[in-house]
């Protein structure tokens, strides 16, 4: 049985093939310095993030860090 070659420029049914838009691995390296801190949070907040992190198969600390980074970026007067 012959295998058909697909033309990558032609649409596939109702779907259209798009070019790769992901950055190269070199651009994924964190460029900002990180600082280790100690913080006290409400137990209910930590439980919430632990539950959501388990659902998303990630670490809760990473979710909290991302939330704080986005908040700071949104309201920062200094462009990063």
Protein backbone atom coordinates (compact mmCIF):
# COMPACT_ATOMS: atom_id res chain seq x y z
CA UNK A 1 0.00 0.00 0.00
CA UNK A 2 1.37 3.41 -0.98
CA UNK A 3 1.55 6.12 1.64
CA UNK A 4 0.32 9.53 0.49
CA UNK A 5 2.61 12.51 0.96
CA UNK A 6 0.88 15.55 2.44
CA UNK A 7 1.50 19.01 1.01
CA UNK A 8 2.13 21.17 4.09
CA UNK A 9 0.81 24.30 2.34
CA UNK A 10 -2.65 22.85 1.71
CA UNK A 11 -5.44 22.96 4.30
CA UNK A 12 -6.41 19.71 6.01
CA UNK A 13 -10.20 19.58 5.97
CA UNK A 14 -11.42 22.54 8.03
CA UNK A 15 -8.03 22.86 9.71
CA UNK A 16 -5.14 24.88 8.34
CA UNK A 17 -1.51 24.08 8.96
CA UNK A 18 0.40 26.91 10.68
CA UNK A 19 4.09 27.59 11.01
CA UNK A 20 5.89 26.87 14.27
CA UNK A 21 5.46 29.89 16.55
CA UNK A 22 7.34 28.63 19.60
CA UNK A 23 10.60 30.36 20.55
CA UNK A 24 13.87 28.43 20.32
CA UNK A 25 15.11 26.79 23.54
CA UNK A 26 17.76 29.50 24.04
CA UNK A 27 15.01 32.08 24.52
CA UNK A 28 13.29 30.00 27.21
CA UNK A 29 16.15 30.37 29.68
CA UNK A 30 15.18 32.58 32.60
CA UNK A 31 17.11 35.81 32.32
CA UNK A 32 16.06 37.39 35.60
CA UNK A 33 17.72 36.74 38.91
CA UNK A 34 15.57 35.00 41.50
CA UNK A 35 15.60 35.55 45.26
CA UNK A 36 14.62 33.00 47.89
CA UNK A 37 12.19 34.38 50.48
CA UNK A 38 10.04 33.17 53.34
CA UNK A 39 6.38 34.14 53.25
CA UNK A 40 3.41 33.31 55.45
CA UNK A 41 0.15 32.63 53.60
CA UNK A 42 -3.30 31.63 54.75
CA UNK A 43 -3.72 27.86 54.89
CA UNK A 44 -6.80 28.14 52.66
CA UNK A 45 -4.77 29.91 49.96
CA UNK A 46 -2.03 27.29 50.00
CA UNK A 47 -4.62 24.49 49.95
CA UNK A 48 -6.26 26.13 46.92
CA UNK A 49 -2.98 26.30 44.99
CA UNK A 50 -2.01 22.75 45.99
CA UNK A 51 -5.37 21.46 44.73
CA UNK A 52 -5.16 23.39 41.43
CA UNK A 53 -1.52 22.41 40.93
CA UNK A 54 -2.41 18.74 41.37
CA UNK A 55 -5.16 19.09 38.75
CA UNK A 56 -2.71 20.76 36.34
CA UNK A 57 0.17 18.37 37.11
CA UNK A 58 2.52 21.13 38.22
CA UNK A 59 3.98 22.53 41.44
CA UNK A 60 1.98 24.91 43.59
CA UNK A 61 5.02 27.09 44.32
CA UNK A 62 5.45 27.63 40.58
CA UNK A 63 1.82 28.74 40.27
CA UNK A 64 2.16 31.21 43.15
CA UNK A 65 5.43 32.57 41.71
CA UNK A 66 3.81 33.03 38.28
CA UNK A 67 0.83 34.81 39.86
CA UNK A 68 3.09 37.24 41.74
CA UNK A 69 5.27 37.83 38.66
CA UNK A 70 2.23 38.63 36.50
CA UNK A 71 0.78 40.93 39.14
CA UNK A 72 4.06 42.81 39.51
CA UNK A 73 4.47 43.07 35.75
CA UNK A 74 0.92 44.41 35.32
CA UNK A 75 1.24 47.12 37.96
CA UNK A 76 4.94 47.92 37.74
CA UNK A 77 5.89 51.44 36.72
CA UNK A 78 9.29 50.09 35.68
CA UNK A 79 9.19 48.17 32.40
CA UNK A 80 10.95 44.83 32.67
